[in-house]
Protein backbone atom coordinates (compact mmCIF):
# COMPACT_ATOMS: atom_id res chain seq x y z
CA VAL A 1 16.09 1.38 -7.31
CA GLN A 2 12.99 3.49 -6.80
CA LEU A 3 9.43 2.57 -5.94
CA GLN A 4 6.71 4.28 -7.96
CA ALA A 5 3.28 4.34 -6.36
CA SER A 6 0.15 5.14 -8.31
CA GLY A 7 -3.59 4.70 -8.31
CA GLY A 8 -4.66 7.30 -5.79
CA GLY A 9 -7.48 9.71 -6.45
CA VAL A 10 -10.82 10.97 -5.28
CA VAL A 11 -13.63 8.51 -4.68
CA GLN A 12 -17.00 8.64 -2.97
CA ALA A 13 -17.63 6.71 0.22
CA GLY A 14 -18.36 3.10 -0.55
CA GLY A 15 -16.21 3.17 -3.65
CA SER A 16 -13.03 1.33 -4.57
CA LEU A 17 -9.51 2.10 -5.66
CA LYS A 18 -6.50 -0.04 -6.47
CA LEU A 19 -3.04 1.22 -5.61
CA SER A 20 0.04 -0.04 -7.39
CA CYS A 21 3.69 0.14 -6.47
CA ALA A 22 6.38 -0.94 -8.89
CA ALA A 23 10.14 -1.11 -8.51
CA SER A 24 12.30 0.50 -11.17
CA GLY A 25 14.95 -2.19 -10.91
CA SER A 26 15.82 -5.50 -9.39
CA ILE A 27 15.24 -5.98 -5.68
CA ILE A 28 16.60 -9.09 -4.00
CA GLY A 29 16.50 -10.33 -0.45
CA VAL A 30 12.94 -9.17 0.13
CA LYS A 31 11.76 -9.69 3.69
CA ALA A 32 8.37 -8.00 3.46
CA MET A 33 6.22 -5.72 1.33
CA ARG A 34 3.94 -3.30 3.15
CA TRP A 35 1.51 -0.46 2.70
CA TYR A 36 1.32 2.41 5.17
CA ARG A 37 -0.84 5.51 5.25
CA GLN A 38 -0.74 8.92 6.87
CA ALA A 39 -3.93 10.87 7.34
CA PRO A 40 -3.83 14.65 7.70
CA GLY A 41 -2.60 15.59 11.16
CA LYS A 42 -2.05 11.98 12.20
CA GLU A 43 0.89 9.65 12.55
CA CYS A 44 1.84 7.16 9.90
CA GLU A 45 -0.17 3.95 10.22
CA TRP A 46 0.70 0.48 9.00
CA VAL A 47 -2.03 -0.92 6.73
CA ALA A 48 -1.04 -4.31 5.30
CA ILE A 49 1.88 -6.70 4.88
CA ILE A 50 2.70 -9.58 2.56
CA LEU A 51 5.67 -11.85 3.22
CA PRO A 52 7.75 -13.86 0.72
CA ASN A 53 5.94 -17.03 1.77
CA GLY A 54 2.61 -15.42 0.92
CA SER A 55 1.49 -14.73 4.47
CA ILE A 56 -0.72 -11.66 4.71
CA ASN A 57 -1.90 -9.53 7.57
CA TYR A 58 -3.97 -6.36 7.86
CA ALA A 59 -4.56 -3.60 10.32
CA ASP A 60 -7.88 -4.01 12.12
CA SER A 61 -9.12 -0.79 10.55
CA VAL A 62 -8.96 -2.23 7.02
CA GLU A 63 -9.49 -5.95 7.62
CA GLY A 64 -12.16 -7.30 5.28
CA ARG A 65 -12.11 -4.23 3.04
CA PHE A 66 -8.54 -4.03 1.73
CA SER A 67 -6.52 -6.71 -0.04
CA ILE A 68 -2.76 -6.75 -0.59
CA SER A 69 -1.18 -8.71 -3.42
CA ARG A 70 2.06 -8.85 -5.36
CA ASP A 71 3.44 -9.68 -8.77
CA ARG A 72 6.94 -11.04 -8.41
CA ALA A 73 7.66 -10.88 -12.13
CA LYS A 74 6.73 -7.20 -12.24
CA LYS A 75 8.36 -6.49 -8.88
CA ALA A 76 5.13 -4.86 -7.81
CA VAL A 77 2.81 -4.78 -4.84
CA TYR A 78 -0.84 -3.77 -4.94
CA LEU A 79 -3.53 -2.65 -2.52
CA GLN A 80 -7.14 -3.19 -3.53
CA MET A 81 -9.32 -0.95 -1.39
CA ASN A 82 -13.07 -1.56 -1.25
CA SER A 83 -15.87 0.00 0.79
CA LEU A 84 -13.80 3.11 1.27
CA GLU A 85 -14.81 5.53 4.01
CA PRO A 86 -13.87 9.17 4.64
CA TRP A 87 -11.49 8.12 7.41
CA ASP A 88 -9.47 6.18 4.82
CA THR A 89 -8.40 9.53 3.38
CA ALA A 90 -4.60 9.62 3.56
CA VAL A 91 -1.38 9.53 1.63
CA TYR A 92 -0.57 5.87 1.04
CA TYR A 93 3.03 4.69 0.93
CA CYS A 94 4.44 1.39 -0.26
CA ASN A 95 7.47 -0.12 1.42
CA ILE A 96 9.74 -3.02 0.52
CA ASP A 97 12.08 -4.26 3.19
CA THR A 98 15.12 -6.27 2.18
CA VAL A 99 17.95 -7.77 4.17
CA TRP A 100 20.07 -4.76 3.16
CA LYS A 101 17.79 -1.74 3.08
CA SER A 102 14.27 -0.42 3.12
CA TYR A 103 12.70 1.13 0.02
CA TRP A 104 9.83 3.62 0.09
CA GLY A 105 7.51 4.92 -2.59
CA GLN A 106 6.73 8.60 -2.91
CA GLY A 107 3.16 8.29 -1.68
CA THR A 108 -0.14 8.50 -3.47
CA LEU A 109 -3.08 10.52 -2.15
CA VAL A 110 -6.44 8.86 -1.59
CA THR A 111 -9.36 11.16 -0.84
CA VAL A 112 -12.72 9.67 0.12
CA SER A 113 -15.65 12.07 0.04
CA SER A 114 -18.79 11.55 2.10
């Protein structure tokens, strides 16, 4: 099973993008679905999480601007990003944790210009 992330691109500050991450096959035993990001020269940063029961949490840096959601039927997780700022520029990675292993997408680049 592979995760395919998409939706990245170049956007002006204040703009929006929606990232998608879809699994190529069946994934069972999901514990959590997350988005991470890694800005140039910085460590990887956790962005958002959604649990099987629907609980959601965000990093302080994106709270109120980003929204995580999922589509169980499509085995997909999404990240709606609004009010983007230059410091949101990063490669964004999706992650699905199961009771057996952790799956990672290949990353999608988001560039926010000022």
